[in-house]
Amino acid sequence: MTPSKARDLARKLTGLRVAEALQLTTVGERKAAVQIGKTLKSAIANAENNADLPADTLRVKQAVIDEGPRMKRFWPRARGMVSHIEKKMCHVKIVLTDGK
């Protein structure tokens, strides 16, 4: 997915409680909501298992969508020419805090 399509949802998640953020990602209709939701669930599991933090006290401190690599493709055109297509990808990073 392209970074521009995911950044608007990531901005909405910043500062929310984890339960509210999960609800926002499950209701969202975009592909970005599914991918950000998976990353958020992974961050919650990491916080519970690795840092022994309860999930009900966690908040989304930061949700960052960075540009990733681009796949370069070509589209054939008339008279042997081509049009360039760049398929953009992104990196999703979510930071949680316990609010202290």
C-alpha atoms as a PDB file:
ATOM      1  CA  MET A   1       0.000   0.000   0.000  1.00  0.00           C
ATOM      2  CA  THR A   2       1.155   3.521  -0.567  1.00  0.00           C
ATOM      3  CA  PRO A   3       2.235   5.660   2.391  1.00  0.00           C
ATOM      4  CA  SER A   4      -0.178   8.466   1.543  1.00  0.00           C
ATOM      5  CA  LYS A   5      -3.169   6.123   1.838  1.00  0.00           C
ATOM      6  CA  ALA A   6      -2.091   4.938   5.289  1.00  0.00           C
ATOM      7  CA  ARG A   7      -0.961   8.187   6.911  1.00  0.00           C
ATOM      8  CA  ASP A   8      -4.434   9.622   7.491  1.00  0.00           C
ATOM      9  CA  LEU A   9      -5.437   6.647   9.645  1.00  0.00           C
ATOM     10  CA  ALA A  10      -2.103   6.688  11.484  1.00  0.00           C
ATOM     11  CA  ARG A  11      -2.649  10.333  12.440  1.00  0.00           C
ATOM     12  CA  LYS A  12      -6.036   9.473  13.928  1.00  0.00           C
ATOM     13  CA  LEU A  13      -4.565   6.700  16.095  1.00  0.00           C
ATOM     14  CA  THR A  14      -1.965   8.845  17.857  1.00  0.00           C
ATOM     15  CA  GLY A  15      -2.944   9.491  21.482  1.00  0.00           C
ATOM     16  CA  LEU A  16      -5.836   6.998  21.604  1.00  0.00           C
ATOM     17  CA  ARG A  17      -6.237   4.130  24.028  1.00  0.00           C
ATOM     18  CA  VAL A  18      -5.445   0.740  22.536  1.00  0.00           C
ATOM     19  CA  ALA A  19      -9.077  -0.448  22.625  1.00  0.00           C
ATOM     20  CA  GLU A  20     -10.269   2.646  20.745  1.00  0.00           C
ATOM     21  CA  ALA A  21      -7.468   2.310  18.206  1.00  0.00           C
ATOM     22  CA  LEU A  22      -8.309  -1.347  17.570  1.00  0.00           C
ATOM     23  CA  GLN A  23     -11.956  -0.449  17.053  1.00  0.00           C
ATOM     24  CA  LEU A  24     -10.981   2.267  14.571  1.00  0.00           C
ATOM     25  CA  THR A  25      -8.889  -0.198  12.555  1.00  0.00           C
ATOM     26  CA  THR A  26     -11.612  -2.869  12.485  1.00  0.00           C
ATOM     27  CA  VAL A  27     -14.247  -0.393  11.296  1.00  0.00           C
ATOM     28  CA  GLY A  28     -12.008   1.113   8.592  1.00  0.00           C
ATOM     29  CA  GLU A  29     -12.719  -0.001   5.042  1.00  0.00           C
ATOM     30  CA  ARG A  30      -9.284   0.667   3.570  1.00  0.00           C
ATOM     31  CA  LYS A  31      -6.510  -1.858   3.137  1.00  0.00           C
ATOM     32  CA  ALA A  32      -4.393   0.343   5.393  1.00  0.00           C
ATOM     33  CA  ALA A  33      -6.774  -0.287   8.316  1.00  0.00           C
ATOM     34  CA  VAL A  34      -6.172  -4.033   8.086  1.00  0.00           C
ATOM     35  CA  GLN A  35      -2.385  -3.698   7.943  1.00  0.00           C
ATOM     36  CA  ILE A  36      -2.195  -1.110  10.736  1.00  0.00           C
ATOM     37  CA  GLY A  37      -4.535  -3.274  12.825  1.00  0.00           C
ATOM     38  CA  LYS A  38      -2.212  -6.259  12.472  1.00  0.00           C
ATOM     39  CA  THR A  39       0.774  -4.150  13.495  1.00  0.00           C
ATOM     40  CA  LEU A  40      -1.149  -2.729  16.457  1.00  0.00           C
ATOM     41  CA  LYS A  41      -2.111  -6.219  17.673  1.00  0.00           C
ATOM     42  CA  SER A  42       1.512  -7.281  17.397  1.00  0.00           C
ATOM     43  CA  ALA A  43       2.640  -4.239  19.407  1.00  0.00           C
ATOM     44  CA  ILE A  44       0.072  -5.025  22.110  1.00  0.00           C
ATOM     45  CA  ALA A  45       1.219  -8.642  22.322  1.00  0.00           C
ATOM     46  CA  ASN A  46       4.852  -7.519  22.559  1.00  0.00           C
ATOM     47  CA  ALA A  47       4.019  -5.071  25.363  1.00  0.00           C
ATOM     48  CA  GLU A  48       2.130  -7.730  27.320  1.00  0.00           C
ATOM     49  CA  ASN A  49       4.668 -10.540  26.902  1.00  0.00           C
ATOM     50  CA  ASN A  50       7.993  -8.711  26.835  1.00  0.00           C
ATOM     51  CA  ALA A  51       7.389  -5.732  29.135  1.00  0.00           C
ATOM     52  CA  ASP A  52       4.647  -7.223  31.382  1.00  0.00           C
ATOM     53  CA  LEU A  53       2.307  -4.279  30.778  1.00  0.00           C
ATOM     54  CA  PRO A  54      -1.485  -4.723  30.993  1.00  0.00           C
ATOM     55  CA  ALA A  55      -3.260  -4.008  27.708  1.00  0.00           C
ATOM     56  CA  ASP A  56      -5.966  -1.832  29.255  1.00  0.00           C
ATOM     57  CA  THR A  57      -3.473   0.862  30.312  1.00  0.00           C
ATOM     58  CA  LEU A  58      -1.674   1.156  26.971  1.00  0.00           C
ATOM     59  CA  ARG A  59      -1.945   4.137  24.648  1.00  0.00           C
ATOM     60  CA  VAL A  60      -0.676   4.712  21.128  1.00  0.00           C
ATOM     61  CA  LYS A  61       2.210   7.125  21.559  1.00  0.00           C
ATOM     62  CA  GLN A  62       3.262   7.231  17.935  1.00  0.00           C
ATOM     63  CA  ALA A  63       2.086   5.724  14.656  1.00  0.00           C
ATOM     64  CA  VAL A  64       4.514   6.336  11.807  1.00  0.00           C
ATOM     65  CA  ILE A  65       4.181   5.386   8.159  1.00  0.00           C
ATOM     66  CA  ASP A  66       7.511   5.636   6.327  1.00  0.00           C
ATOM     67  CA  GLU A  67       8.202   5.080   2.663  1.00  0.00           C
ATOM     68  CA  GLY A  68       9.557   1.698   1.734  1.00  0.00           C
ATOM     69  CA  PRO A  69      11.073   0.364  -1.463  1.00  0.00           C
ATOM     70  CA  ARG A  70       9.442   0.936  -4.824  1.00  0.00           C
ATOM     71  CA  MET A  71       8.921  -1.775  -7.389  1.00  0.00           C
ATOM     72  CA  LYS A  72       9.531  -0.451 -10.870  1.00  0.00           C
ATOM     73  CA  ARG A  73       7.252  -1.846 -13.560  1.00  0.00           C
ATOM     74  CA  PHE A  74       6.511  -0.952 -17.164  1.00  0.00           C
ATOM     75  CA  TRP A  75       3.257  -0.655 -19.095  1.00  0.00           C
ATOM     76  CA  PRO A  76       3.445  -1.255 -22.845  1.00  0.00           C
ATOM     77  CA  ARG A  77       2.240   1.602 -25.054  1.00  0.00           C
ATOM     78  CA  ALA A  78       1.826   2.248 -28.712  1.00  0.00           C
ATOM     79  CA  ARG A  79       4.727   2.134 -31.205  1.00  0.00           C
ATOM     80  CA  GLY A  80       6.986   0.093 -28.915  1.00  0.00           C
ATOM     81  CA  MET A  81       7.142   2.660 -26.100  1.00  0.00           C
ATOM     82  CA  VAL A  82       6.529   2.066 -22.403  1.00  0.00           C
ATOM     83  CA  SER A  83       5.102   3.996 -19.472  1.00  0.00           C
ATOM     84  CA  HIS A  84       6.835   3.725 -16.129  1.00  0.00           C
ATOM     85  CA  ILE A  85       4.882   2.543 -13.096  1.00  0.00           C
ATOM     86  CA  GLU A  86       6.222   2.702  -9.536  1.00  0.00           C
ATOM     87  CA  LYS A  87       4.450   0.472  -7.045  1.00  0.00           C
ATOM     88  CA  LYS A  88       5.027   2.113  -3.682  1.00  0.00           C
ATOM     89  CA  MET A  89       5.350   0.278  -0.375  1.00  0.00           C
ATOM     90  CA  CYS A  90       5.579   1.479   3.199  1.00  0.00           C
ATOM     91  CA  HIS A  91       6.871   0.572   6.645  1.00  0.00           C
ATOM     92  CA  VAL A  92       4.410   0.720   9.560  1.00  0.00           C
ATOM     93  CA  LYS A  93       5.777   1.538  13.020  1.00  0.00           C
ATOM     94  CA  ILE A  94       3.618   1.790  16.152  1.00  0.00           C
ATOM     95  CA  VAL A  95       4.967   2.834  19.561  1.00  0.00           C
ATOM     96  CA  LEU A  96       2.879   2.167  22.665  1.00  0.00           C
ATOM     97  CA  THR A  97       3.220   3.695  26.120  1.00  0.00           C
ATOM     98  CA  ASP A  98       1.688   2.873  29.482  1.00  0.00           C
ATOM     99  CA  GLY A  99       0.825   6.538  30.061  1.00  0.00           C
ATOM    100  CA  LYS A 100       3.226   7.150  32.926  1.00  0.00           C
END
